[in-house]
């Protein structure tokens, strides 16, 4: 006897899909998006931990952790790393059409 498999569309945020509150899910997704941005910059610049330290003054252990997929960084730490990688961070606050606002990253 085979079991029926139910397929559910994703909300686009894995944290929401696994049961986090909307607010927690957006914060966690924001943090993960920042880690991914740092990871991609390190790849784009072809930086090893040693090169990142020499060129940008980054902590080599932080670089190594990001390159290994460690997501255990807070948003402030990620902002600092992005600044050290010569990236500007702009925070824009706008009215929401919904009852509660949203957190998101728009990157160039």
PDB file of N, CA and C in Angstrom:
ATOM      1  N   UNK A   1       0.842  -1.164   0.000  1.00  0.00           N
ATOM      2  CA  UNK A   1       0.000   0.000   0.000  1.00  0.00           C
ATOM      3  C   UNK A   1       0.897   1.240   0.000  1.00  0.00           C
ATOM      4  N   UNK A   2       0.619   2.179  -0.876  1.00  0.00           N
ATOM      5  CA  UNK A   2       1.440   3.384  -0.931  1.00  0.00           C
ATOM      6  C   UNK A   2       0.722   4.545  -0.254  1.00  0.00           C
ATOM      7  N   UNK A   3       1.531   5.404   0.373  1.00  0.00           N
ATOM      8  CA  UNK A   3       0.977   6.581   1.023  1.00  0.00           C
ATOM      9  C   UNK A   3       0.897   7.719   0.017  1.00  0.00           C
ATOM     10  N   UNK A   4      -0.118   8.525   0.166  1.00  0.00           N
ATOM     11  CA  UNK A   4      -0.262   9.686  -0.700  1.00  0.00           C
ATOM     12  C   UNK A   4       0.696  10.773  -0.213  1.00  0.00           C
ATOM     13  N   UNK A   5       1.431  11.335  -1.127  1.00  0.00           N
ATOM     14  CA  UNK A   5       2.357  12.414  -0.790  1.00  0.00           C
ATOM     15  C   UNK A   5       1.678  13.739  -1.083  1.00  0.00           C
ATOM     16  N   UNK A   6       1.642  14.581  -0.068  1.00  0.00           N
ATOM     17  CA  UNK A   6       1.015  15.893  -0.224  1.00  0.00           C
ATOM     18  C   UNK A   6       2.098  16.916  -0.521  1.00  0.00           C
ATOM     19  N   UNK A   7       1.924  17.659  -1.592  1.00  0.00           N
ATOM     20  CA  UNK A   7       2.874  18.703  -1.976  1.00  0.00           C
ATOM     21  C   UNK A   7       2.265  20.050  -1.623  1.00  0.00           C
ATOM     22  N   UNK A   8       3.053  20.842  -0.900  1.00  0.00           N
ATOM     23  CA  UNK A   8       2.595  22.163  -0.469  1.00  0.00           C
ATOM     24  C   UNK A   8       3.534  23.206  -1.057  1.00  0.00           C
ATOM     25  N   UNK A   9       2.976  24.239  -1.652  1.00  0.00           N
ATOM     26  CA  UNK A   9       3.797  25.319  -2.183  1.00  0.00           C
ATOM     27  C   UNK A   9       4.505  26.053  -1.056  1.00  0.00           C
ATOM     28  N   UNK A  10       5.736  26.448  -1.308  1.00  0.00           N
ATOM     29  CA  UNK A  10       6.508  27.204  -0.332  1.00  0.00           C
ATOM     30  C   UNK A  10       6.026  28.654  -0.296  1.00  0.00           C
ATOM     31  N   UNK A  11       6.161  29.251   0.857  1.00  0.00           N
ATOM     32  CA  UNK A  11       5.840  30.673   0.991  1.00  0.00           C
ATOM     33  C   UNK A  11       6.953  31.539   0.417  1.00  0.00           C
ATOM     34  N   UNK A  12       8.118  30.912   0.151  1.00  0.00           N
ATOM     35  CA  UNK A  12       9.285  31.669  -0.273  1.00  0.00           C
ATOM     36  C   UNK A  12      10.227  31.940   0.883  1.00  0.00           C
ATOM     37  N   UNK A  13       9.806  31.600   2.104  1.00  0.00           N
ATOM     38  CA  UNK A  13      10.631  31.776   3.287  1.00  0.00           C
ATOM     39  C   UNK A  13      10.586  30.465   4.068  1.00  0.00           C
ATOM     40  N   UNK A  14      11.683  29.744   4.065  1.00  0.00           N
ATOM     41  CA  UNK A  14      11.732  28.435   4.714  1.00  0.00           C
ATOM     42  C   UNK A  14      11.409  28.522   6.199  1.00  0.00           C
ATOM     43  N   UNK A  15      11.779  29.618   6.840  1.00  0.00           N
ATOM     44  CA  UNK A  15      11.527  29.755   8.275  1.00  0.00           C
ATOM     45  C   UNK A  15      10.029  29.865   8.566  1.00  0.00           C
ATOM     46  N   UNK A  16       9.323  30.539   7.708  1.00  0.00           N
ATOM     47  CA  UNK A  16       7.865  30.617   7.836  1.00  0.00           C
ATOM     48  C   UNK A  16       7.256  29.240   7.586  1.00  0.00           C
ATOM     49  N   UNK A  17       7.788  28.548   6.596  1.00  0.00           N
ATOM     50  CA  UNK A  17       7.271  27.228   6.243  1.00  0.00           C
ATOM     51  C   UNK A  17       7.446  26.205   7.365  1.00  0.00           C
ATOM     52  N   UNK A  18       8.497  26.369   8.193  1.00  0.00           N
ATOM     53  CA  UNK A  18       8.721  25.385   9.263  1.00  0.00           C
ATOM     54  C   UNK A  18       8.138  25.831  10.606  1.00  0.00           C
ATOM     55  N   UNK A  19       7.390  26.945  10.594  1.00  0.00           N
ATOM     56  CA  UNK A  19       6.636  27.274  11.789  1.00  0.00           C
ATOM     57  C   UNK A  19       7.051  28.498  12.574  1.00  0.00           C
ATOM     58  N   UNK A  20       8.059  29.231  12.120  1.00  0.00           N
ATOM     59  CA  UNK A  20       8.414  30.474  12.799  1.00  0.00           C
ATOM     60  C   UNK A  20       7.274  31.476  12.619  1.00  0.00           C
ATOM     61  N   UNK A  21       7.151  32.412  13.569  1.00  0.00           N
ATOM     62  CA  UNK A  21       6.184  33.488  13.381  1.00  0.00           C
ATOM     63  C   UNK A  21       6.635  34.324  12.184  1.00  0.00           C
ATOM     64  N   UNK A  22       5.731  35.100  11.613  1.00  0.00           N
ATOM     65  CA  UNK A  22       6.062  35.916  10.445  1.00  0.00           C
ATOM     66  C   UNK A  22       7.239  36.847  10.738  1.00  0.00           C
ATOM     67  N   UNK A  23       7.219  37.487  11.906  1.00  0.00           N
ATOM     68  CA  UNK A  23       8.281  38.430  12.274  1.00  0.00           C
ATOM     69  C   UNK A  23       9.622  37.722  12.434  1.00  0.00           C
ATOM     70  N   UNK A  24       9.621  36.570  13.131  1.00  0.00           N
ATOM     71  CA  UNK A  24      10.857  35.805  13.310  1.00  0.00           C
ATOM     72  C   UNK A  24      11.374  35.291  11.975  1.00  0.00           C
ATOM     73  N   UNK A  25      10.475  34.815  11.138  1.00  0.00           N
ATOM     74  CA  UNK A  25      10.864  34.270   9.837  1.00  0.00           C
ATOM     75  C   UNK A  25      11.525  35.338   8.973  1.00  0.00           C
ATOM     76  N   UNK A  26      10.990  36.547   8.987  1.00  0.00           N
ATOM     77  CA  UNK A  26      11.590  37.624   8.189  1.00  0.00           C
ATOM     78  C   UNK A  26      12.967  38.011   8.716  1.00  0.00           C
ATOM     79  N   UNK A  27      13.121  38.062  10.041  1.00  0.00           N
ATOM     80  CA  UNK A  27      14.438  38.386  10.624  1.00  0.00           C
ATOM     81  C   UNK A  27      15.462  37.314  10.274  1.00  0.00           C
ATOM     82  N   UNK A  28      15.062  36.054  10.398  1.00  0.00           N
ATOM     83  CA  UNK A  28      15.987  34.962  10.080  1.00  0.00           C
ATOM     84  C   UNK A  28      16.345  34.956   8.595  1.00  0.00           C
ATOM     85  N   UNK A  29      15.362  35.190   7.735  1.00  0.00           N
ATOM     86  CA  UNK A  29      15.634  35.232   6.297  1.00  0.00           C
ATOM     87  C   UNK A  29      16.555  36.392   5.958  1.00  0.00           C
ATOM     88  N   UNK A  30      16.367  37.529   6.601  1.00  0.00           N
ATOM     89  CA  UNK A  30      17.240  38.682   6.392  1.00  0.00           C
ATOM     90  C   UNK A  30      18.683  38.331   6.756  1.00  0.00           C
ATOM     91  N   UNK A  31      18.860  37.677   7.896  1.00  0.00           N
ATOM     92  CA  UNK A  31      20.197  37.298   8.353  1.00  0.00           C
ATOM     93  C   UNK A  31      20.841  36.323   7.361  1.00  0.00           C
ATOM     94  N   UNK A  32      20.093  35.334   6.908  1.00  0.00           N
ATOM     95  CA  UNK A  32      20.628  34.367   5.947  1.00  0.00           C
ATOM     96  C   UNK A  32      20.962  35.057   4.624  1.00  0.00           C
ATOM     97  N   UNK A  33      20.108  35.963   4.180  1.00  0.00           N
ATOM     98  CA  UNK A  33      20.380  36.702   2.936  1.00  0.00           C
ATOM     99  C   UNK A  33      21.683  37.493   3.046  1.00  0.00           C
ATOM    100  N   UNK A  34      21.953  38.063   4.220  1.00  0.00           N
ATOM    101  CA  UNK A  34      23.200  38.807   4.424  1.00  0.00           C
ATOM    102  C   UNK A  34      24.406  37.873   4.388  1.00  0.00           C
ATOM    103  N   UNK A  35      24.298  36.707   5.008  1.00  0.00           N
ATOM    104  CA  UNK A  35      25.400  35.734   4.959  1.00  0.00           C
ATOM    105  C   UNK A  35      25.672  35.324   3.518  1.00  0.00           C
ATOM    106  N   UNK A  36      24.627  35.073   2.758  1.00  0.00           N
ATOM    107  CA  UNK A  36      24.785  34.688   1.352  1.00  0.00           C
ATOM    108  C   UNK A  36      25.447  35.814   0.565  1.00  0.00           C
ATOM    109  N   UNK A  37      25.069  37.047   0.829  1.00  0.00           N
ATOM    110  CA  UNK A  37      25.687  38.193   0.148  1.00  0.00           C
ATOM    111  C   UNK A  37      27.181  38.246   0.441  1.00  0.00           C
ATOM    112  N   UNK A  38      27.558  38.068   1.704  1.00  0.00           N
ATOM    113  CA  UNK A  38      28.979  38.065   2.072  1.00  0.00           C
ATOM    114  C   UNK A  38      29.688  36.905   1.384  1.00  0.00           C
ATOM    115  N   UNK A  39      29.090  35.734   1.411  1.00  0.00           N
ATOM    116  CA  UNK A  39      29.681  34.561   0.767  1.00  0.00           C
ATOM    117  C   UNK A  39      29.956  34.834  -0.714  1.00  0.00           C
ATOM    118  N   UNK A  40      28.965  35.380  -1.392  1.00  0.00           N
ATOM    119  CA  UNK A  40      29.122  35.651  -2.830  1.00  0.00           C
ATOM    120  C   UNK A  40      30.197  36.707  -3.101  1.00  0.00           C
ATOM    121  N   UNK A  41      30.291  37.705  -2.225  1.00  0.00           N
ATOM    122  CA  UNK A  41      31.349  38.710  -2.387  1.00  0.00           C
ATOM    123  C   UNK A  41      32.730  38.081  -2.215  1.00  0.00           C
ATOM    124  N   UNK A  42      32.868  37.215  -1.225  1.00  0.00           N
ATOM    125  CA  UNK A  42      34.147  36.539  -1.014  1.00  0.00           C
ATOM    126  C   UNK A  42      34.511  35.701  -2.237  1.00  0.00           C
ATOM    127  N   UNK A  43      33.533  35.019  -2.806  1.00  0.00           N
ATOM    128  CA  UNK A  43      33.763  34.224  -4.016  1.00  0.00           C
ATOM    129  C   UNK A  43      34.134  35.122  -5.199  1.00  0.00           C
ATOM    130  N   UNK A  44      33.360  36.189  -5.378  1.00  0.00           N
ATOM    131  CA  UNK A  44      33.595  37.113  -6.494  1.00  0.00           C
ATOM    132  C   UNK A  44      34.995  37.728  -6.431  1.00  0.00           C
ATOM    133  N   UNK A  45      35.434  38.060  -5.225  1.00  0.00           N
ATOM    134  CA  UNK A  45      36.748  38.682  -5.034  1.00  0.00           C
ATOM    135  C   UNK A  45      37.867  37.651  -4.898  1.00  0.00           C
ATOM    136  N   UNK A  46      37.493  36.360  -4.946  1.00  0.00           N
ATOM    137  CA  UNK A  46      38.454  35.256  -4.835  1.00  0.00           C
ATOM    138  C   UNK A  46      39.303  35.379  -3.568  1.00  0.00           C
ATOM    139  N   UNK A  47      38.615  35.600  -2.439  1.00  0.00           N
ATOM    140  CA  UNK A  47      39.314  35.816  -1.187  1.00  0.00           C
ATOM    141  C   UNK A  47      39.382  34.552  -0.337  1.00  0.00           C
ATOM    142  N   UNK A  48      40.588  34.187   0.029  1.00  0.00           N
ATOM    143  CA  UNK A  48      40.790  33.171   1.056  1.00  0.00           C
ATOM    144  C   UNK A  48      40.727  33.906   2.394  1.00  0.00           C
ATOM    145  N   UNK A  49      40.643  33.179   3.500  1.00  0.00           N
ATOM    146  CA  UNK A  49      40.674  33.874   4.789  1.00  0.00           C
ATOM    147  C   UNK A  49      41.908  34.765   4.957  1.00  0.00           C
ATOM    148  N   UNK A  50      43.067  34.283   4.521  1.00  0.00           N
ATOM    149  CA  UNK A  50      44.295  35.077   4.648  1.00  0.00           C
ATOM    150  C   UNK A  50      44.255  36.323   3.760  1.00  0.00           C
ATOM    151  N   UNK A  51      43.781  36.176   2.524  1.00  0.00           N
ATOM    152  CA  UNK A  51      43.686  37.327   1.627  1.00  0.00           C
ATOM    153  C   UNK A  51      42.659  38.333   2.135  1.00  0.00           C
ATOM    154  N   UNK A  52      41.563  37.863   2.694  1.00  0.00           N
ATOM    155  CA  UNK A  52      40.527  38.758   3.238  1.00  0.00           C
ATOM    156  C   UNK A  52      41.070  39.547   4.416  1.00  0.00           C
ATOM    157  N   UNK A  53      41.902  38.905   5.224  1.00  0.00           N
ATOM    158  CA  UNK A  53      42.517  39.607   6.357  1.00  0.00           C
ATOM    159  C   UNK A  53      43.504  40.662   5.857  1.00  0.00           C
ATOM    160  N   UNK A  54      44.368  40.273   4.902  1.00  0.00           N
ATOM    161  CA  UNK A  54      45.385  41.191   4.401  1.00  0.00           C
ATOM    162  C   UNK A  54      44.774  42.368   3.646  1.00  0.00           C
ATOM    163  N   UNK A  55      43.780  42.107   2.833  1.00  0.00           N
ATOM    164  CA  UNK A  55      43.216  43.154   1.977  1.00  0.00           C
ATOM    165  C   UNK A  55      42.165  44.011   2.675  1.00  0.00           C
ATOM    166  N   UNK A  56      41.335  43.387   3.521  1.00  0.00           N
ATOM    167  CA  UNK A  56      40.209  44.111   4.110  1.00  0.00           C
ATOM    168  C   UNK A  56      40.216  44.142   5.642  1.00  0.00           C
ATOM    169  N   UNK A  57      41.163  43.457   6.259  1.00  0.00           N
ATOM    170  CA  UNK A  57      41.211  43.426   7.711  1.00  0.00           C
ATOM    171  C   UNK A  57      40.149  42.542   8.342  1.00  0.00           C
ATOM    172  N   UNK A  58      39.604  41.613   7.551  1.00  0.00           N
ATOM    173  CA  UNK A  58      38.576  40.712   8.075  1.00  0.00           C
ATOM    174  C   UNK A  58      39.189  39.657   8.986  1.00  0.00           C
ATOM    175  N   UNK A  59      38.409  39.216   9.943  1.00  0.00           N
ATOM    176  CA  UNK A  59      38.818  38.136  10.822  1.00  0.00           C
ATOM    177  C   UNK A  59      38.825  36.849  10.001  1.00  0.00           C
ATOM    178  N   UNK A  60      39.988  36.194   9.857  1.00  0.00           N
ATOM    179  CA  UNK A  60      40.056  34.993   9.026  1.00  0.00           C
ATOM    180  C   UNK A  60      39.109  33.883   9.481  1.00  0.00           C
ATOM    181  N   UNK A  61      38.879  33.762  10.784  1.00  0.00           N
ATOM    182  CA  UNK A  61      37.972  32.704  11.241  1.00  0.00           C
ATOM    183  C   UNK A  61      36.530  33.002  10.825  1.00  0.00           C
ATOM    184  N   UNK A  62      36.138  34.281  10.780  1.00  0.00           N
ATOM    185  CA  UNK A  62      34.803  34.636  10.293  1.00  0.00           C
ATOM    186  C   UNK A  62      34.663  34.276   8.815  1.00  0.00           C
ATOM    187  N   UNK A  63      35.691  34.590   8.046  1.00  0.00           N
ATOM    188  CA  UNK A  63      35.672  34.280   6.611  1.00  0.00           C
ATOM    189  C   UNK A  63      35.560  32.773   6.406  1.00  0.00           C
ATOM    190  N   UNK A  64      36.347  32.030   7.143  1.00  0.00           N
ATOM    191  CA  UNK A  64      36.313  30.573   7.035  1.00  0.00           C
ATOM    192  C   UNK A  64      34.940  30.026   7.411  1.00  0.00           C
ATOM    193  N   UNK A  65      34.348  30.544   8.470  1.00  0.00           N
ATOM    194  CA  UNK A  65      33.021  30.089   8.891  1.00  0.00           C
ATOM    195  C   UNK A  65      31.982  30.357   7.812  1.00  0.00           C
ATOM    196  N   UNK A  66      32.029  31.538   7.209  1.00  0.00           N
ATOM    197  CA  UNK A  66      31.075  31.867   6.142  1.00  0.00           C
ATOM    198  C   UNK A  66      31.281  30.950   4.946  1.00  0.00           C
ATOM    199  N   UNK A  67      32.522  30.717   4.577  1.00  0.00           N
ATOM    200  CA  UNK A  67      32.806  29.854   3.433  1.00  0.00           C
ATOM    201  C   UNK A  67      32.378  28.410   3.672  1.00  0.00           C
ATOM    202  N   UNK A  68      32.292  28.001   4.938  1.00  0.00           N
ATOM    203  CA  UNK A  68      31.848  26.645   5.272  1.00  0.00           C
ATOM    204  C   UNK A  68      30.339  26.558   5.466  1.00  0.00           C
ATOM    205  N   UNK A  69      29.651  27.697   5.292  1.00  0.00           N
ATOM    206  CA  UNK A  69      28.192  27.686   5.393  1.00  0.00           C
ATOM    207  C   UNK A  69      27.650  27.919   6.788  1.00  0.00           C
ATOM    208  N   UNK A  70      28.489  28.377   7.705  1.00  0.00           N
ATOM    209  CA  UNK A  70      28.039  28.685   9.063  1.00  0.00           C
ATOM    210  C   UNK A  70      27.141  29.914   9.011  1.00  0.00           C
ATOM    211  N   UNK A  71      25.930  29.797   9.496  1.00  0.00           N
ATOM    212  CA  UNK A  71      24.964  30.897   9.468  1.00  0.00           C
ATOM    213  C   UNK A  71      24.836  31.589  10.821  1.00  0.00           C
ATOM    214  N   UNK A  72      25.693  31.229  11.772  1.00  0.00           N
ATOM    215  CA  UNK A  72      25.569  31.735  13.131  1.00  0.00           C
ATOM    216  C   UNK A  72      26.250  33.100  13.297  1.00  0.00           C
ATOM    217  N   UNK A  73      25.734  34.088  12.583  1.00  0.00           N
ATOM    218  CA  UNK A  73      26.200  35.472  12.677  1.00  0.00           C
ATOM    219  C   UNK A  73      24.984  36.334  12.971  1.00  0.00           C
ATOM    220  N   UNK A  74      25.182  37.391  13.760  1.00  0.00           N
ATOM    221  CA  UNK A  74      24.062  38.310  13.941  1.00  0.00           C
ATOM    222  C   UNK A  74      24.144  39.406  12.880  1.00  0.00           C
ATOM    223  N   UNK A  75      23.080  40.131  12.734  1.00  0.00           N
ATOM    224  CA  UNK A  75      22.990  41.138  11.673  1.00  0.00           C
ATOM    225  C   UNK A  75      24.064  42.210  11.827  1.00  0.00           C
ATOM    226  N   UNK A  76      24.352  42.619  13.054  1.00  0.00           N
ATOM    227  CA  UNK A  76      25.380  43.633  13.284  1.00  0.00           C
ATOM    228  C   UNK A  76      26.749  43.146  12.814  1.00  0.00           C
ATOM    229  N   UNK A  77      27.090  41.890  13.098  1.00  0.00           N
ATOM    230  CA  UNK A  77      28.363  41.328  12.639  1.00  0.00           C
ATOM    231  C   UNK A  77      28.431  41.322  11.109  1.00  0.00           C
ATOM    232  N   UNK A  78      27.327  40.988  10.484  1.00  0.00           N
ATOM    233  CA  UNK A  78      27.299  40.940   9.019  1.00  0.00           C
ATOM    234  C   UNK A  78      27.408  42.329   8.412  1.00  0.00           C
ATOM    235  N   UNK A  79      26.773  43.321   9.030  1.00  0.00           N
ATOM    236  CA  UNK A  79      26.930  44.712   8.566  1.00  0.00           C
ATOM    237  C   UNK A  79      28.397  45.127   8.650  1.00  0.00           C
ATOM    238  N   UNK A  80      29.058  44.776   9.747  1.00  0.00           N
ATOM    239  CA  UNK A  80      30.476  45.125   9.924  1.00  0.00           C
ATOM    240  C   UNK A  80      31.329  44.469   8.840  1.00  0.00           C
ATOM    241  N   UNK A  81      31.089  43.198   8.569  1.00  0.00           N
ATOM    242  CA  UNK A  81      31.856  42.496   7.533  1.00  0.00           C
ATOM    243  C   UNK A  81      31.615  43.131   6.168  1.00  0.00           C
ATOM    244  N   UNK A  82      30.368  43.445   5.855  1.00  0.00           N
ATOM    245  CA  UNK A  82      30.068  44.080   4.569  1.00  0.00           C
ATOM    246  C   UNK A  82      30.743  45.442   4.448  1.00  0.00           C
ATOM    247  N   UNK A  83      30.764  46.214   5.527  1.00  0.00           N
ATOM    248  CA  UNK A  83      31.473  47.497   5.511  1.00  0.00           C
ATOM    249  C   UNK A  83      32.964  47.282   5.267  1.00  0.00           C
ATOM    250  N   UNK A  84      33.538  46.276   5.915  1.00  0.00           N
ATOM    251  CA  UNK A  84      34.951  45.981   5.718  1.00  0.00           C
ATOM    252  C   UNK A  84      35.235  45.542   4.279  1.00  0.00           C
ATOM    253  N   UNK A  85      34.248  44.953   3.639  1.00  0.00           N
ATOM    254  CA  UNK A  85      34.380  44.560   2.234  1.00  0.00           C
ATOM    255  C   UNK A  85      34.062  45.720   1.291  1.00  0.00           C
ATOM    256  N   UNK A  86      34.094  46.923   1.828  1.00  0.00           N
ATOM    257  CA  UNK A  86      33.892  48.148   1.060  1.00  0.00           C
ATOM    258  C   UNK A  86      32.507  48.228   0.438  1.00  0.00           C
ATOM    259  N   UNK A  87      31.499  47.818   1.205  1.00  0.00           N
ATOM    260  CA  UNK A  87      30.116  47.889   0.749  1.00  0.00           C
ATOM    261  C   UNK A  87      29.337  48.854   1.625  1.00  0.00           C
ATOM    262  N   UNK A  88      28.530  49.672   0.993  1.00  0.00           N
ATOM    263  CA  UNK A  88      27.625  50.557   1.711  1.00  0.00           C
ATOM    264  C   UNK A  88      26.365  49.786   2.068  1.00  0.00           C
ATOM    265  N   UNK A  89      25.792  50.131   3.189  1.00  0.00           N
ATOM    266  CA  UNK A  89      24.532  49.530   3.613  1.00  0.00           C
ATOM    267  C   UNK A  89      23.556  50.679   3.821  1.00  0.00           C
ATOM    268  N   UNK A  90      22.453  50.636   3.137  1.00  0.00           N
ATOM    269  CA  UNK A  90      21.416  51.655   3.289  1.00  0.00           C
ATOM    270  C   UNK A  90      20.190  51.005   3.898  1.00  0.00           C
ATOM    271  N   UNK A  91      19.633  51.645   4.889  1.00  0.00           N
ATOM    272  CA  UNK A  91      18.396  51.164   5.486  1.00  0.00           C
ATOM    273  C   UNK A  91      17.317  52.164   5.121  1.00  0.00           C
ATOM    274  N   UNK A  92      16.299  51.672   4.454  1.00  0.00           N
ATOM    275  CA  UNK A  92      15.223  52.532   3.990  1.00  0.00           C
ATOM    276  C   UNK A  92      13.942  52.139   4.725  1.00  0.00           C
ATOM    277  N   UNK A  93      13.305  53.103   5.311  1.00  0.00           N
ATOM    278  CA  UNK A  93      12.067  52.862   6.040  1.00  0.00           C
ATOM    279  C   UNK A  93      10.936  53.524   5.272  1.00  0.00           C
ATOM    280  N   UNK A  94       9.955  52.714   4.876  1.00  0.00           N
ATOM    281  CA  UNK A  94       8.832  53.201   4.084  1.00  0.00           C
ATOM    282  C   UNK A  94       7.526  52.690   4.679  1.00  0.00           C
ATOM    283  N   UNK A  95       6.423  53.372   4.392  1.00  0.00           N
ATOM    284  CA  UNK A  95       5.130  52.871   4.887  1.00  0.00           C
ATOM    285  C   UNK A  95       4.771  51.547   4.223  1.00  0.00           C
ATOM    286  N   UNK A  96       4.045  50.723   4.954  1.00  0.00           N
ATOM    287  CA  UNK A  96       3.599  49.431   4.432  1.00  0.00           C
ATOM    288  C   UNK A  96       2.126  49.517   4.050  1.00  0.00           C
ATOM    289  N   UNK A  97       1.742  48.781   3.019  1.00  0.00           N
ATOM    290  CA  UNK A  97       0.338  48.688   2.630  1.00  0.00           C
ATOM    291  C   UNK A  97      -0.411  47.690   3.515  1.00  0.00           C
ATOM    292  N   UNK A  98       0.350  46.941   4.322  1.00  0.00           N
ATOM    293  CA  UNK A  98      -0.254  45.939   5.181  1.00  0.00           C
ATOM    294  C   UNK A  98      -0.246  46.418   6.633  1.00  0.00           C
ATOM    295  N   UNK A  99      -0.865  45.655   7.503  1.00  0.00           N
ATOM    296  CA  UNK A  99      -0.978  46.011   8.912  1.00  0.00           C
ATOM    297  C   UNK A  99       0.394  46.064   9.593  1.00  0.00           C
ATOM    298  N   UNK A 100       1.288  45.153   9.191  1.00  0.00           N
ATOM    299  CA  UNK A 100       2.626  45.083   9.748  1.00  0.00           C
ATOM    300  C   UNK A 100       3.637  45.202   8.610  1.00  0.00           C
ATOM    301  N   UNK A 101       4.754  45.912   8.854  1.00  0.00           N
ATOM    302  CA  UNK A 101       5.785  46.088   7.831  1.00  0.00           C
ATOM    303  C   UNK A 101       6.587  44.815   7.588  1.00  0.00           C
ATOM    304  N   UNK A 102       7.504  44.877   6.633  1.00  0.00           N
ATOM    305  CA  UNK A 102       8.318  43.728   6.247  1.00  0.00           C
ATOM    306  C   UNK A 102       9.792  44.094   6.271  1.00  0.00           C
ATOM    307  N   UNK A 103      10.625  43.079   6.447  1.00  0.00           N
ATOM    308  CA  UNK A 103      12.077  43.224   6.347  1.00  0.00           C
ATOM    309  C   UNK A 103      12.514  42.572   5.051  1.00  0.00           C
ATOM    310  N   UNK A 104      13.376  43.241   4.306  1.00  0.00           N
ATOM    311  CA  UNK A 104      13.892  42.634   3.077  1.00  0.00           C
ATOM    312  C   UNK A 104      15.206  43.276   2.687  1.00  0.00           C
ATOM    313  N   UNK A 105      15.952  42.577   1.881  1.00  0.00           N
ATOM    314  CA  UNK A 105      17.199  43.086   1.344  1.00  0.00           C
ATOM    315  C   UNK A 105      17.020  43.335  -0.138  1.00  0.00           C
ATOM    316  N   UNK A 106      17.466  44.499  -0.578  1.00  0.00           N
ATOM    317  CA  UNK A 106      17.536  44.806  -1.994  1.00  0.00           C
ATOM    318  C   UNK A 106      19.005  45.075  -2.261  1.00  0.00           C
ATOM    319  N   UNK A 107      19.606  44.267  -3.095  1.00  0.00           N
ATOM    320  CA  UNK A 107      21.058  44.341  -3.297  1.00  0.00           C
ATOM    321  C   UNK A 107      21.374  44.589  -4.756  1.00  0.00           C
ATOM    322  N   UNK A 108      22.456  45.343  -4.972  1.00  0.00           N
ATOM    323  CA  UNK A 108      22.931  45.549  -6.341  1.00  0.00           C
ATOM    324  C   UNK A 108      24.259  44.900  -6.538  1.00  0.00           C
TER     325      UNK A 108
END
